[in-house]
Amino acid sequence: SFNFEVPGADGEPRVEREYLTNEQRAVVKRVAPFDEVIPRLEHEHVHESLEKTVLDLTSMKVEFLVSGQMEQLLKGDLKEAAEENLDLVPSVYEGGMKVWECSIDLAEYVESCLTIDEDTRILELGCGAGLPGHVGGIRGATVHFQDYNKQVLDLVTIPNAFANIGSEVYRRCRFLAGDWSVLLEHLEEQCYDFILTSETIYSSATYQDLIGIFKKSLKPHGLILVAAKTCYFGVGGGTRQFEETVASDGTFKSRVVFVTDTGVQREILELRRKSVDACS
């Protein structure tokens, strides 16, 4: 089963299948189609009878479901991944049922370093349990959560949102599923103050799609936070390689705002637009 251990025992993802080059990925990958999961009454109350873990931050507590309780409801490829104890199956399951250390880092950073109120709009990409986004929700923000897998949103993200902000979910949250390459056309232009993402840059094959979303959806003076391991051994991605791709693209300037050597080295990168004038 997947394990929610907070924090410190996620290790490196076990990858069952080989990663592809960008060219191979474009030709053969199975792309999860875009879908929007609408919060329903059964989402609103499911968390009440389930065991939850609390992330105790300085000014708030963020609740999320303890893993293992929802696995019996998984279907298809995700069910197989759970049964085989896989954290990651490329282009099939992207690790959303597990809380990774970097998402905790990012939730703590968002709580302590960002100014968020009811006028703030946030997008969390590759959200899984959605801890950083839920911090924004507790502060009153409108939050849109995206995950590769619709089932992750259905079984984990939405119940966690209701656990933290109750019926405000209906008014202030959206839940978007699908591959980033198909998500792009469904997002509004320059509408988010903050874009948050954690543990999503382990494969360089996805970098261009991710940066494309940043370019389209971030407000001119907006801020992006990317939490990730410095190096994903055996996979090839990491913060240095992502910074190089960002620099080559030329739209954003980046800097490291957080580093920890506890366990595998992890960082948070901050990205801002180089030119606000180019957005007008």
C-alpha atoms as a PDB file:
ATOM      1  CA  SER A   1       0.000   0.000   0.000  1.00  0.00           C
ATOM      2  CA  PHE A   2       1.024   3.624  -0.341  1.00  0.00           C
ATOM      3  CA  ASN A   3       2.356   5.138   2.872  1.00  0.00           C
ATOM      4  CA  PHE A   4       1.579   8.598   4.257  1.00  0.00           C
ATOM      5  CA  GLU A   5       4.480   9.260   6.601  1.00  0.00           C
ATOM      6  CA  VAL A   6       4.886  12.877   7.604  1.00  0.00           C
ATOM      7  CA  PRO A   7       7.562  13.849   7.094  1.00  0.00           C
ATOM      8  CA  GLY A   8      10.665  12.023   5.998  1.00  0.00           C
ATOM      9  CA  ALA A   9      10.295   8.545   4.515  1.00  0.00           C
ATOM     10  CA  ASP A  10       9.283   8.964   0.946  1.00  0.00           C
ATOM     11  CA  GLY A  11      12.680   8.056  -0.515  1.00  0.00           C
ATOM     12  CA  GLU A  12      13.046   7.808  -4.257  1.00  0.00           C
ATOM     13  CA  PRO A  13      10.057   6.708  -6.339  1.00  0.00           C
ATOM     14  CA  ARG A  14      10.175   3.146  -7.600  1.00  0.00           C
ATOM     15  CA  VAL A  15       9.729   3.378 -11.347  1.00  0.00           C
ATOM     16  CA  GLU A  16       8.480   0.258 -13.089  1.00  0.00           C
ATOM     17  CA  ARG A  17       8.855   1.421 -16.675  1.00  0.00           C
ATOM     18  CA  GLU A  18      11.665   3.104 -18.557  1.00  0.00           C
ATOM     19  CA  TYR A  19      11.460   6.835 -19.183  1.00  0.00           C
ATOM     20  CA  LEU A  20      11.344   7.927 -22.809  1.00  0.00           C
ATOM     21  CA  THR A  21      13.111  10.678 -24.703  1.00  0.00           C
ATOM     22  CA  ASN A  22      11.029  13.760 -25.503  1.00  0.00           C
ATOM     23  CA  GLU A  23      10.631  12.547 -29.081  1.00  0.00           C
ATOM     24  CA  GLN A  24       9.529   9.060 -28.051  1.00  0.00           C
ATOM     25  CA  ARG A  25       7.155  10.465 -25.446  1.00  0.00           C
ATOM     26  CA  ALA A  26       5.455  12.695 -28.009  1.00  0.00           C
ATOM     27  CA  VAL A  27       4.828   9.712 -30.278  1.00  0.00           C
ATOM     28  CA  VAL A  28       3.847   6.893 -27.953  1.00  0.00           C
ATOM     29  CA  LYS A  29       2.755   8.230 -24.567  1.00  0.00           C
ATOM     30  CA  ARG A  30      -0.775   7.732 -23.389  1.00  0.00           C
ATOM     31  CA  VAL A  31      -2.063  11.185 -22.562  1.00  0.00           C
ATOM     32  CA  ALA A  32      -4.660  11.470 -19.804  1.00  0.00           C
ATOM     33  CA  PRO A  33      -7.522  13.529 -21.282  1.00  0.00           C
ATOM     34  CA  PHE A  34      -8.739  16.744 -19.695  1.00  0.00           C
ATOM     35  CA  ASP A  35     -11.631  16.388 -17.287  1.00  0.00           C
ATOM     36  CA  GLU A  36     -13.072  18.449 -14.465  1.00  0.00           C
ATOM     37  CA  VAL A  37     -14.231  16.734 -11.300  1.00  0.00           C
ATOM     38  CA  ILE A  38     -17.213  18.527  -9.780  1.00  0.00           C
ATOM     39  CA  PRO A  39     -17.377  18.362  -5.959  1.00  0.00           C
ATOM     40  CA  ARG A  40     -20.392  16.348  -4.798  1.00  0.00           C
ATOM     41  CA  LEU A  41     -22.222  15.715  -1.539  1.00  0.00           C
ATOM     42  CA  GLU A  42     -20.474  12.361  -1.048  1.00  0.00           C
ATOM     43  CA  HIS A  43     -17.122  14.167  -1.223  1.00  0.00           C
ATOM     44  CA  GLU A  44     -18.229  16.586   1.473  1.00  0.00           C
ATOM     45  CA  HIS A  45     -18.712  14.001   4.206  1.00  0.00           C
ATOM     46  CA  VAL A  46     -16.414  11.088   3.299  1.00  0.00           C
ATOM     47  CA  HIS A  47     -13.538  12.447   5.388  1.00  0.00           C
ATOM     48  CA  GLU A  48     -15.645  12.506   8.569  1.00  0.00           C
ATOM     49  CA  SER A  49     -15.478   8.732   9.038  1.00  0.00           C
ATOM     50  CA  LEU A  50     -11.865   8.294   7.922  1.00  0.00           C
ATOM     51  CA  GLU A  51      -8.557   8.610   9.732  1.00  0.00           C
ATOM     52  CA  LYS A  52      -6.711  11.850   9.064  1.00  0.00           C
ATOM     53  CA  THR A  53      -3.226  13.210   9.674  1.00  0.00           C
ATOM     54  CA  VAL A  54      -2.637  16.819  10.726  1.00  0.00           C
ATOM     55  CA  LEU A  55       0.188  18.940   9.349  1.00  0.00           C
ATOM     56  CA  ASP A  56       0.686  21.355  12.245  1.00  0.00           C
ATOM     57  CA  LEU A  57       1.954  24.655  10.847  1.00  0.00           C
ATOM     58  CA  THR A  58       2.691  27.882  12.713  1.00  0.00           C
ATOM     59  CA  SER A  59      -0.678  29.539  12.150  1.00  0.00           C
ATOM     60  CA  MET A  60      -2.926  26.671  11.035  1.00  0.00           C
ATOM     61  CA  LYS A  61      -3.489  22.942  10.923  1.00  0.00           C
ATOM     62  CA  VAL A  62      -3.914  21.225   7.539  1.00  0.00           C
ATOM     63  CA  GLU A  63      -5.786  17.926   7.593  1.00  0.00           C
ATOM     64  CA  PHE A  64      -5.419  15.139   5.047  1.00  0.00           C
ATOM     65  CA  LEU A  65      -6.528  11.535   4.757  1.00  0.00           C
ATOM     66  CA  VAL A  66      -4.199   8.792   5.947  1.00  0.00           C
ATOM     67  CA  SER A  67      -3.265   6.580   3.022  1.00  0.00           C
ATOM     68  CA  GLY A  68      -4.586   3.087   2.459  1.00  0.00           C
ATOM     69  CA  GLN A  69      -8.205   3.885   3.201  1.00  0.00           C
ATOM     70  CA  MET A  70      -9.146   4.760  -0.379  1.00  0.00           C
ATOM     71  CA  GLU A  71      -7.117   2.158  -2.272  1.00  0.00           C
ATOM     72  CA  GLN A  72      -9.969  -0.340  -2.409  1.00  0.00           C
ATOM     73  CA  LEU A  73     -11.893   2.190  -4.520  1.00  0.00           C
ATOM     74  CA  LEU A  74      -9.167   2.560  -7.136  1.00  0.00           C
ATOM     75  CA  LYS A  75      -9.839   1.159 -10.596  1.00  0.00           C
ATOM     76  CA  GLY A  76      -7.822   0.060 -13.620  1.00  0.00           C
ATOM     77  CA  ASP A  77      -4.158   1.026 -13.893  1.00  0.00           C
ATOM     78  CA  LEU A  78      -4.157   2.890 -10.585  1.00  0.00           C
ATOM     79  CA  LYS A  79      -5.497  -0.176  -8.786  1.00  0.00           C
ATOM     80  CA  GLU A  80      -2.689  -2.227 -10.328  1.00  0.00           C
ATOM     81  CA  ALA A  81      -0.120   0.351  -9.212  1.00  0.00           C
ATOM     82  CA  ALA A  82      -1.459   0.187  -5.654  1.00  0.00           C
ATOM     83  CA  GLU A  83      -1.481  -3.607  -5.603  1.00  0.00           C
ATOM     84  CA  GLU A  84       2.103  -3.711  -6.885  1.00  0.00           C
ATOM     85  CA  ASN A  85       3.188  -1.026  -4.390  1.00  0.00           C
ATOM     86  CA  LEU A  86       4.423   1.295  -7.143  1.00  0.00           C
ATOM     87  CA  ASP A  87       4.858   5.000  -6.403  1.00  0.00           C
ATOM     88  CA  LEU A  88       5.073   5.960 -10.064  1.00  0.00           C
ATOM     89  CA  VAL A  89       4.123   4.495 -13.438  1.00  0.00           C
ATOM     90  CA  PRO A  90       5.027   6.997 -16.180  1.00  0.00           C
ATOM     91  CA  SER A  91       2.085   8.284 -18.235  1.00  0.00           C
ATOM     92  CA  VAL A  92      -0.276   6.161 -16.125  1.00  0.00           C
ATOM     93  CA  TYR A  93       0.043   7.057 -12.446  1.00  0.00           C
ATOM     94  CA  GLU A  94       2.044  10.055 -11.237  1.00  0.00           C
ATOM     95  CA  GLY A  95       2.266   9.415  -7.497  1.00  0.00           C
ATOM     96  CA  GLY A  96      -0.783  11.396  -6.374  1.00  0.00           C
ATOM     97  CA  MET A  97      -1.944   8.991  -3.665  1.00  0.00           C
ATOM     98  CA  LYS A  98       1.214   9.603  -1.651  1.00  0.00           C
ATOM     99  CA  VAL A  99       2.266  12.673   0.328  1.00  0.00           C
ATOM    100  CA  TRP A 100       5.829  13.498  -0.694  1.00  0.00           C
ATOM    101  CA  GLU A 101       8.299  15.445   1.448  1.00  0.00           C
ATOM    102  CA  CYS A 102       8.536  18.328  -1.007  1.00  0.00           C
ATOM    103  CA  SER A 103       4.805  19.012  -0.739  1.00  0.00           C
ATOM    104  CA  ILE A 104       5.243  19.439   3.004  1.00  0.00           C
ATOM    105  CA  ASP A 105       8.194  21.778   2.408  1.00  0.00           C
ATOM    106  CA  LEU A 106       6.055  23.799   0.023  1.00  0.00           C
ATOM    107  CA  ALA A 107       3.046  23.934   2.357  1.00  0.00           C
ATOM    108  CA  GLU A 108       5.273  25.264   5.145  1.00  0.00           C
ATOM    109  CA  TYR A 109       6.853  27.833   2.829  1.00  0.00           C
ATOM    110  CA  VAL A 110       3.489  29.031   1.486  1.00  0.00           C
ATOM    111  CA  GLU A 111       2.172  29.474   5.011  1.00  0.00           C
ATOM    112  CA  SER A 112       5.187  31.433   6.242  1.00  0.00           C
ATOM    113  CA  CYS A 113       6.227  33.448   3.174  1.00  0.00           C
ATOM    114  CA  LEU A 114       3.221  34.254   0.961  1.00  0.00           C
ATOM    115  CA  THR A 115       0.580  36.916   1.558  1.00  0.00           C
ATOM    116  CA  ILE A 116      -2.762  35.282   0.754  1.00  0.00           C
ATOM    117  CA  ASP A 117      -6.320  36.533   1.210  1.00  0.00           C
ATOM    118  CA  GLU A 118      -9.771  36.134  -0.354  1.00  0.00           C
ATOM    119  CA  ASP A 119      -8.674  37.988  -3.499  1.00  0.00           C
ATOM    120  CA  THR A 120      -5.791  35.583  -4.196  1.00  0.00           C
ATOM    121  CA  ARG A 121      -6.023  33.022  -7.003  1.00  0.00           C
ATOM    122  CA  ILE A 122      -3.842  29.911  -6.809  1.00  0.00           C
ATOM    123  CA  LEU A 123      -3.172  27.007  -9.167  1.00  0.00           C
ATOM    124  CA  GLU A 124      -1.554  23.853  -7.762  1.00  0.00           C
ATOM    125  CA  LEU A 125      -0.192  21.554 -10.471  1.00  0.00           C
ATOM    126  CA  GLY A 126       0.357  17.846  -9.839  1.00  0.00           C
ATOM    127  CA  CYS A 127      -1.407  18.376  -6.544  1.00  0.00           C
ATOM    128  CA  GLY A 128      -2.014  14.869  -5.173  1.00  0.00           C
ATOM    129  CA  ALA A 129      -3.184  15.416  -1.596  1.00  0.00           C
ATOM    130  CA  GLY A 130      -2.995  19.163  -2.240  1.00  0.00           C
ATOM    131  CA  LEU A 131      -1.353  20.346   0.978  1.00  0.00           C
ATOM    132  CA  PRO A 132       0.148  23.613  -0.384  1.00  0.00           C
ATOM    133  CA  GLY A 133      -3.137  24.497  -2.072  1.00  0.00           C
ATOM    134  CA  HIS A 134      -5.097  23.747   1.089  1.00  0.00           C
ATOM    135  CA  VAL A 135      -2.939  26.265   2.960  1.00  0.00           C
ATOM    136  CA  GLY A 136      -4.158  28.866   0.476  1.00  0.00           C
ATOM    137  CA  GLY A 137      -7.729  27.668   0.848  1.00  0.00           C
ATOM    138  CA  ILE A 138      -7.620  28.020   4.618  1.00  0.00           C
ATOM    139  CA  ARG A 139      -6.398  31.601   4.133  1.00  0.00           C
ATOM    140  CA  GLY A 140      -9.437  32.358   1.947  1.00  0.00           C
ATOM    141  CA  ALA A 141      -7.988  32.051  -1.561  1.00  0.00           C
ATOM    142  CA  THR A 142      -9.623  30.648  -4.672  1.00  0.00           C
ATOM    143  CA  VAL A 143      -7.658  27.480  -5.439  1.00  0.00           C
ATOM    144  CA  HIS A 144      -7.646  25.334  -8.572  1.00  0.00           C
ATOM    145  CA  PHE A 145      -6.124  21.882  -8.110  1.00  0.00           C
ATOM    146  CA  GLN A 146      -4.745  19.808 -11.005  1.00  0.00           C
ATOM    147  CA  ASP A 147      -3.618  16.197 -10.986  1.00  0.00           C
ATOM    148  CA  TYR A 148      -2.791  13.798 -13.804  1.00  0.00           C
ATOM    149  CA  ASN A 149      -5.296  11.263 -12.449  1.00  0.00           C
ATOM    150  CA  LYS A 150      -9.000  11.947 -12.043  1.00  0.00           C
ATOM    151  CA  GLN A 151      -9.251   9.217  -9.405  1.00  0.00           C
ATOM    152  CA  VAL A 152      -6.696  11.004  -7.215  1.00  0.00           C
ATOM    153  CA  LEU A 153      -8.835  14.153  -7.228  1.00  0.00           C
ATOM    154  CA  ASP A 154     -11.968  12.120  -6.537  1.00  0.00           C
ATOM    155  CA  LEU A 155     -10.605  10.012  -3.692  1.00  0.00           C
ATOM    156  CA  VAL A 156      -7.990  12.239  -2.051  1.00  0.00           C
ATOM    157  CA  THR A 157      -7.795  15.896  -3.111  1.00  0.00           C
ATOM    158  CA  ILE A 158     -11.476  16.810  -2.880  1.00  0.00           C
ATOM    159  CA  PRO A 159     -12.115  15.058   0.470  1.00  0.00           C
ATOM    160  CA  ASN A 160      -9.023  16.805   1.852  1.00  0.00           C
ATOM    161  CA  ALA A 161     -10.357  20.159   0.641  1.00  0.00           C
ATOM    162  CA  PHE A 162     -13.664  19.588   2.430  1.00  0.00           C
ATOM    163  CA  ALA A 163     -11.776  18.557   5.590  1.00  0.00           C
ATOM    164  CA  ASN A 164     -10.049  21.953   5.607  1.00  0.00           C
ATOM    165  CA  ILE A 165     -12.579  24.520   4.333  1.00  0.00           C
ATOM    166  CA  GLY A 166     -15.924  22.695   4.378  1.00  0.00           C
ATOM    167  CA  SER A 167     -18.662  23.851   2.020  1.00  0.00           C
ATOM    168  CA  GLU A 168     -16.492  26.750   0.809  1.00  0.00           C
ATOM    169  CA  VAL A 169     -15.066  24.155  -1.609  1.00  0.00           C
ATOM    170  CA  TYR A 170     -18.121  24.608  -3.844  1.00  0.00           C
ATOM    171  CA  ARG A 171     -17.492  28.337  -4.142  1.00  0.00           C
ATOM    172  CA  ARG A 172     -13.708  28.618  -4.184  1.00  0.00           C
ATOM    173  CA  CYS A 173     -12.216  25.445  -5.667  1.00  0.00           C
ATOM    174  CA  ARG A 174     -11.964  23.687  -9.025  1.00  0.00           C
ATOM    175  CA  PHE A 175     -10.447  20.257  -9.645  1.00  0.00           C
ATOM    176  CA  LEU A 176      -8.877  19.614 -13.048  1.00  0.00           C
ATOM    177  CA  ALA A 177      -7.555  16.263 -14.300  1.00  0.00           C
ATOM    178  CA  GLY A 178      -5.353  15.366 -17.244  1.00  0.00           C
ATOM    179  CA  ASP A 179      -1.943  15.696 -18.842  1.00  0.00           C
ATOM    180  CA  TRP A 180      -0.403  19.170 -18.894  1.00  0.00           C
ATOM    181  CA  SER A 181      -0.292  19.129 -22.683  1.00  0.00           C
ATOM    182  CA  VAL A 182      -4.104  19.025 -22.822  1.00  0.00           C
ATOM    183  CA  LEU A 183      -4.664  21.186 -19.744  1.00  0.00           C
ATOM    184  CA  LEU A 184      -3.132  24.247 -21.376  1.00  0.00           C
ATOM    185  CA  GLU A 185      -6.068  25.011 -23.675  1.00  0.00           C
ATOM    186  CA  HIS A 186      -8.521  24.871 -20.763  1.00  0.00           C
ATOM    187  CA  LEU A 187      -6.784  27.468 -18.576  1.00  0.00           C
ATOM    188  CA  GLU A 188      -7.492  31.175 -18.597  1.00  0.00           C
ATOM    189  CA  GLU A 189      -4.732  33.592 -19.527  1.00  0.00           C
ATOM    190  CA  GLN A 190      -2.839  35.423 -16.774  1.00  0.00           C
ATOM    191  CA  CYS A 191      -5.314  34.595 -14.045  1.00  0.00           C
ATOM    192  CA  TYR A 192      -3.234  33.193 -11.163  1.00  0.00           C
ATOM    193  CA  ASP A 193      -1.316  35.120  -8.511  1.00  0.00           C
ATOM    194  CA  PHE A 194       0.564  31.988  -7.434  1.00  0.00           C
ATOM    195  CA  ILE A 195       1.290  28.719  -9.211  1.00  0.00           C
ATOM    196  CA  LEU A 196       2.502  25.952  -6.896  1.00  0.00           C
ATOM    197  CA  THR A 197       3.937  22.558  -7.785  1.00  0.00           C
ATOM    198  CA  SER A 198       5.936  19.918  -5.920  1.00  0.00           C
ATOM    199  CA  GLU A 199       7.714  16.716  -6.973  1.00  0.00           C
ATOM    200  CA  THR A 200       6.758  17.290 -10.620  1.00  0.00           C
ATOM    201  CA  ILE A 201      10.114  17.903 -12.330  1.00  0.00           C
ATOM    202  CA  TYR A 202      11.590  14.409 -12.031  1.00  0.00           C
ATOM    203  CA  SER A 203      11.378  13.924 -15.818  1.00  0.00           C
ATOM    204  CA  SER A 204      12.697  16.521 -18.249  1.00  0.00           C
ATOM    205  CA  ALA A 205      10.218  15.255 -20.856  1.00  0.00           C
ATOM    206  CA  THR A 206       7.475  17.288 -19.155  1.00  0.00           C
ATOM    207  CA  TYR A 207       9.382  20.563 -18.693  1.00  0.00           C
ATOM    208  CA  GLN A 208       8.136  22.324 -21.822  1.00  0.00           C
ATOM    209  CA  ASP A 209       4.484  21.540 -21.040  1.00  0.00           C
ATOM    210  CA  LEU A 210       4.926  22.784 -17.474  1.00  0.00           C
ATOM    211  CA  ILE A 211       6.636  26.006 -18.540  1.00  0.00           C
ATOM    212  CA  GLY A 212       3.925  26.505 -21.165  1.00  0.00           C
ATOM    213  CA  ILE A 213       1.295  26.524 -18.422  1.00  0.00           C
ATOM    214  CA  PHE A 214       3.378  28.975 -16.391  1.00  0.00           C
ATOM    215  CA  LYS A 215       3.669  31.330 -19.368  1.00  0.00           C
ATOM    216  CA  LYS A 216      -0.032  31.307 -20.160  1.00  0.00           C
ATOM    217  CA  SER A 217      -1.604  31.337 -16.714  1.00  0.00           C
ATOM    218  CA  LEU A 218       0.570  33.437 -14.396  1.00  0.00           C
ATOM    219  CA  LYS A 219      -0.402  37.058 -13.810  1.00  0.00           C
ATOM    220  CA  PRO A 220       2.213  39.647 -14.864  1.00  0.00           C
ATOM    221  CA  HIS A 221       3.406  40.158 -11.291  1.00  0.00           C
ATOM    222  CA  GLY A 222       2.648  36.596 -10.178  1.00  0.00           C
ATOM    223  CA  LEU A 223       4.945  34.097  -8.483  1.00  0.00           C
ATOM    224  CA  ILE A 224       5.695  30.423  -9.152  1.00  0.00           C
ATOM    225  CA  LEU A 225       7.069  28.039  -6.531  1.00  0.00           C
ATOM    226  CA  VAL A 226       8.548  24.693  -7.587  1.00  0.00           C
ATOM    227  CA  ALA A 227       9.477  22.279  -4.788  1.00  0.00           C
ATOM    228  CA  ALA A 228      11.637  19.330  -5.822  1.00  0.00           C
ATOM    229  CA  LYS A 229      14.645  17.187  -5.080  1.00  0.00           C
ATOM    230  CA  THR A 230      17.953  18.595  -6.265  1.00  0.00           C
ATOM    231  CA  CYS A 231      18.502  15.402  -8.255  1.00  0.00           C
ATOM    232  CA  TYR A 232      16.217  12.471  -9.030  1.00  0.00           C
ATOM    233  CA  PHE A 233      18.753   9.668  -9.271  1.00  0.00           C
ATOM    234  CA  GLY A 234      18.113   7.208 -12.064  1.00  0.00           C
ATOM    235  CA  VAL A 235      15.513   9.446 -13.676  1.00  0.00           C
ATOM    236  CA  GLY A 236      17.556  12.448 -14.752  1.00  0.00           C
ATOM    237  CA  GLY A 237      15.484  15.393 -13.615  1.00  0.00           C
ATOM    238  CA  GLY A 238      15.994  17.827 -10.758  1.00  0.00           C
ATOM    239  CA  THR A 239      16.213  21.484  -9.849  1.00  0.00           C
ATOM    240  CA  ARG A 240      19.460  22.266 -11.713  1.00  0.00           C
ATOM    241  CA  GLN A 241      18.228  20.737 -14.948  1.00  0.00           C
ATOM    242  CA  PHE A 242      14.893  22.526 -14.607  1.00  0.00           C
ATOM    243  CA  GLU A 243      16.653  25.854 -13.986  1.00  0.00           C
ATOM    244  CA  GLU A 244      18.662  25.316 -17.168  1.00  0.00           C
ATOM    245  CA  THR A 245      15.464  24.724 -19.149  1.00  0.00           C
ATOM    246  CA  VAL A 246      13.850  27.822 -17.630  1.00  0.00           C
ATOM    247  CA  ALA A 247      16.919  29.890 -18.521  1.00  0.00           C
ATOM    248  CA  SER A 248      16.904  28.590 -22.099  1.00  0.00           C
ATOM    249  CA  ASP A 249      13.226  29.467 -22.492  1.00  0.00           C
ATOM    250  CA  GLY A 250      13.962  33.015 -21.347  1.00  0.00           C
ATOM    251  CA  THR A 251      10.541  33.980 -19.982  1.00  0.00           C
ATOM    252  CA  PHE A 252      11.276  33.628 -16.269  1.00  0.00           C
ATOM    253  CA  LYS A 253      14.061  34.387 -13.845  1.00  0.00           C
ATOM    254  CA  SER A 254      14.572  31.821 -11.083  1.00  0.00           C
ATOM    255  CA  ARG A 255      16.262  31.635  -7.709  1.00  0.00           C
ATOM    256  CA  VAL A 256      16.521  29.114  -4.892  1.00  0.00           C
ATOM    257  CA  VAL A 257      14.546  30.249  -1.832  1.00  0.00           C
ATOM    258  CA  PHE A 258      14.727  27.105   0.317  1.00  0.00           C
ATOM    259  CA  VAL A 259      17.182  24.213   0.731  1.00  0.00           C
ATOM    260  CA  THR A 260      17.192  21.308   3.174  1.00  0.00           C
ATOM    261  CA  ASP A 261      19.691  18.477   3.525  1.00  0.00           C
ATOM    262  CA  THR A 262      17.413  16.387   5.727  1.00  0.00           C
ATOM    263  CA  GLY A 263      17.311  13.074   3.879  1.00  0.00           C
ATOM    264  CA  VAL A 264      17.642  13.563   0.125  1.00  0.00           C
ATOM    265  CA  GLN A 265      18.490  17.222  -0.640  1.00  0.00           C
ATOM    266  CA  ARG A 266      15.375  19.211  -1.519  1.00  0.00           C
ATOM    267  CA  GLU A 267      14.833  22.783  -2.704  1.00  0.00           C
ATOM    268  CA  ILE A 268      12.164  25.321  -3.558  1.00  0.00           C
ATOM    269  CA  LEU A 269      12.653  27.453  -6.657  1.00  0.00           C
ATOM    270  CA  GLU A 270      10.944  30.817  -7.117  1.00  0.00           C
ATOM    271  CA  LEU A 271      10.132  31.934 -10.666  1.00  0.00           C
ATOM    272  CA  ARG A 272       9.000  35.384 -11.786  1.00  0.00           C
ATOM    273  CA  ARG A 273       8.498  36.882 -15.231  1.00  0.00           C
ATOM    274  CA  LYS A 274      11.539  38.731 -16.568  1.00  0.00           C
ATOM    275  CA  SER A 275       9.386  41.232 -18.449  1.00  0.00           C
ATOM    276  CA  VAL A 276       5.991  42.372 -17.231  1.00  0.00           C
ATOM    277  CA  ASP A 277       5.622  44.516 -20.366  1.00  0.00           C
ATOM    278  CA  ALA A 278       5.607  41.378 -22.522  1.00  0.00           C
ATOM    279  CA  CYS A 279       2.341  40.332 -20.857  1.00  0.00           C
ATOM    280  CA  SER A 280       0.367  43.378 -21.917  1.00  0.00           C
END
